[in-house]
């Protein structure tokens, strides 16, 4: 069975790679790592299973535009920011 590493925080290296020359591979890794997390969040927010894939896709599209410019606020984290993006997309 595939073992997924526990994600306490997001690697700044991976975030930097999302805007770099090898961004296709970085995005593939990012989507692979974060889809299960976003799916869990969707479940907690009560997103119907039939709507989860579309919501997660919308979040990834928003991140595609915003992640290269992401800079954490003092004391903030990428995951907290990602959750805010996710919850706002669901609220829309």
Protein backbone atom coordinates (compact mmCIF):
# COMPACT_ATOMS: atom_id res chain seq x y z
CA UNK A 1 0.00 0.00 0.00
CA UNK A 2 1.12 3.54 -0.72
CA UNK A 3 2.14 5.47 2.38
CA UNK A 4 1.37 9.17 2.23
CA UNK A 5 3.71 11.33 4.32
CA UNK A 6 2.09 13.23 7.19
CA UNK A 7 1.83 16.90 6.22
CA UNK A 8 2.38 19.15 9.20
CA UNK A 9 3.26 22.02 6.90
CA UNK A 10 3.92 22.68 3.24
CA UNK A 11 7.44 22.65 1.94
CA UNK A 12 8.55 26.16 0.93
CA UNK A 13 10.60 24.42 -1.76
CA UNK A 14 7.49 22.85 -3.28
CA UNK A 15 5.69 26.21 -3.19
CA UNK A 16 8.62 27.87 -4.95
CA UNK A 17 8.67 25.10 -7.57
CA UNK A 18 5.01 25.80 -8.44
CA UNK A 19 6.19 28.96 -10.20
CA UNK A 20 9.51 27.60 -11.43
CA UNK A 21 10.71 26.07 -14.68
CA UNK A 22 9.71 22.54 -13.59
CA UNK A 23 6.27 23.63 -12.44
CA UNK A 24 4.40 20.83 -14.25
CA UNK A 25 6.08 18.19 -12.08
CA UNK A 26 5.64 20.34 -8.96
CA UNK A 27 1.91 20.79 -9.65
CA UNK A 28 1.52 17.06 -10.21
CA UNK A 29 3.15 16.39 -6.82
CA UNK A 30 1.13 19.17 -5.16
CA UNK A 31 -2.20 17.85 -6.51
CA UNK A 32 -1.23 14.30 -5.50
CA UNK A 33 -0.39 15.42 -1.95
CA UNK A 34 -3.29 17.81 -1.40
CA UNK A 35 -6.30 16.14 -3.04
CA UNK A 36 -6.86 13.80 -0.03
CA UNK A 37 -6.61 16.73 2.40
CA UNK A 38 -9.07 18.82 0.39
CA UNK A 39 -11.42 15.85 0.20
CA UNK A 40 -11.32 15.48 4.01
CA UNK A 41 -12.00 19.19 4.42
CA UNK A 42 -14.92 18.87 1.99
CA UNK A 43 -16.38 16.11 4.13
CA UNK A 44 -16.05 18.22 7.28
CA UNK A 45 -17.77 21.16 5.56
CA UNK A 46 -20.64 18.94 4.42
CA UNK A 47 -19.85 19.17 0.69
CA UNK A 48 -21.93 16.46 -1.04
CA UNK A 49 -19.67 13.74 -2.52
CA UNK A 50 -21.00 14.51 -6.02
CA UNK A 51 -19.73 18.11 -5.74
CA UNK A 52 -16.30 17.45 -4.23
CA UNK A 53 -14.30 16.85 -7.42
CA UNK A 54 -15.57 20.08 -8.98
CA UNK A 55 -14.89 22.07 -5.81
CA UNK A 56 -11.37 20.66 -5.48
CA UNK A 57 -10.71 21.47 -9.15
CA UNK A 58 -11.86 25.07 -8.60
CA UNK A 59 -9.54 25.37 -5.59
CA UNK A 60 -6.59 24.09 -7.63
CA UNK A 61 -7.38 26.60 -10.39
CA UNK A 62 -7.46 29.41 -7.83
CA UNK A 63 -4.15 28.19 -6.43
CA UNK A 64 -2.63 28.03 -9.88
CA UNK A 65 -3.19 31.78 -10.09
CA UNK A 66 -2.37 32.70 -6.48
CA UNK A 67 0.20 30.22 -5.10
CA UNK A 68 3.25 31.65 -6.89
CA UNK A 69 2.63 34.95 -5.07
CA UNK A 70 1.79 33.35 -1.70
CA UNK A 71 3.74 34.79 1.22
CA UNK A 72 2.64 33.68 4.68
CA UNK A 73 1.53 36.34 7.11
CA UNK A 74 3.60 36.50 10.29
CA UNK A 75 2.58 33.43 12.26
CA UNK A 76 0.47 32.22 9.34
CA UNK A 77 0.80 29.08 7.29
CA UNK A 78 0.13 27.93 3.77
CA UNK A 79 -2.37 25.35 5.02
CA UNK A 80 -4.36 27.99 6.91
CA UNK A 81 -4.42 30.13 3.78
CA UNK A 82 -5.37 27.11 1.66
CA UNK A 83 -8.24 26.29 4.01
CA UNK A 84 -9.51 29.87 3.70
CA UNK A 85 -9.41 29.62 -0.12
CA UNK A 86 -11.17 26.25 0.08
CA UNK A 87 -13.92 27.41 2.44
CA UNK A 88 -14.49 30.58 0.39
CA UNK A 89 -14.82 28.55 -2.83
CA UNK A 90 -17.42 26.33 -1.14
CA UNK A 91 -19.29 29.38 0.17
CA UNK A 92 -19.44 30.76 -3.40
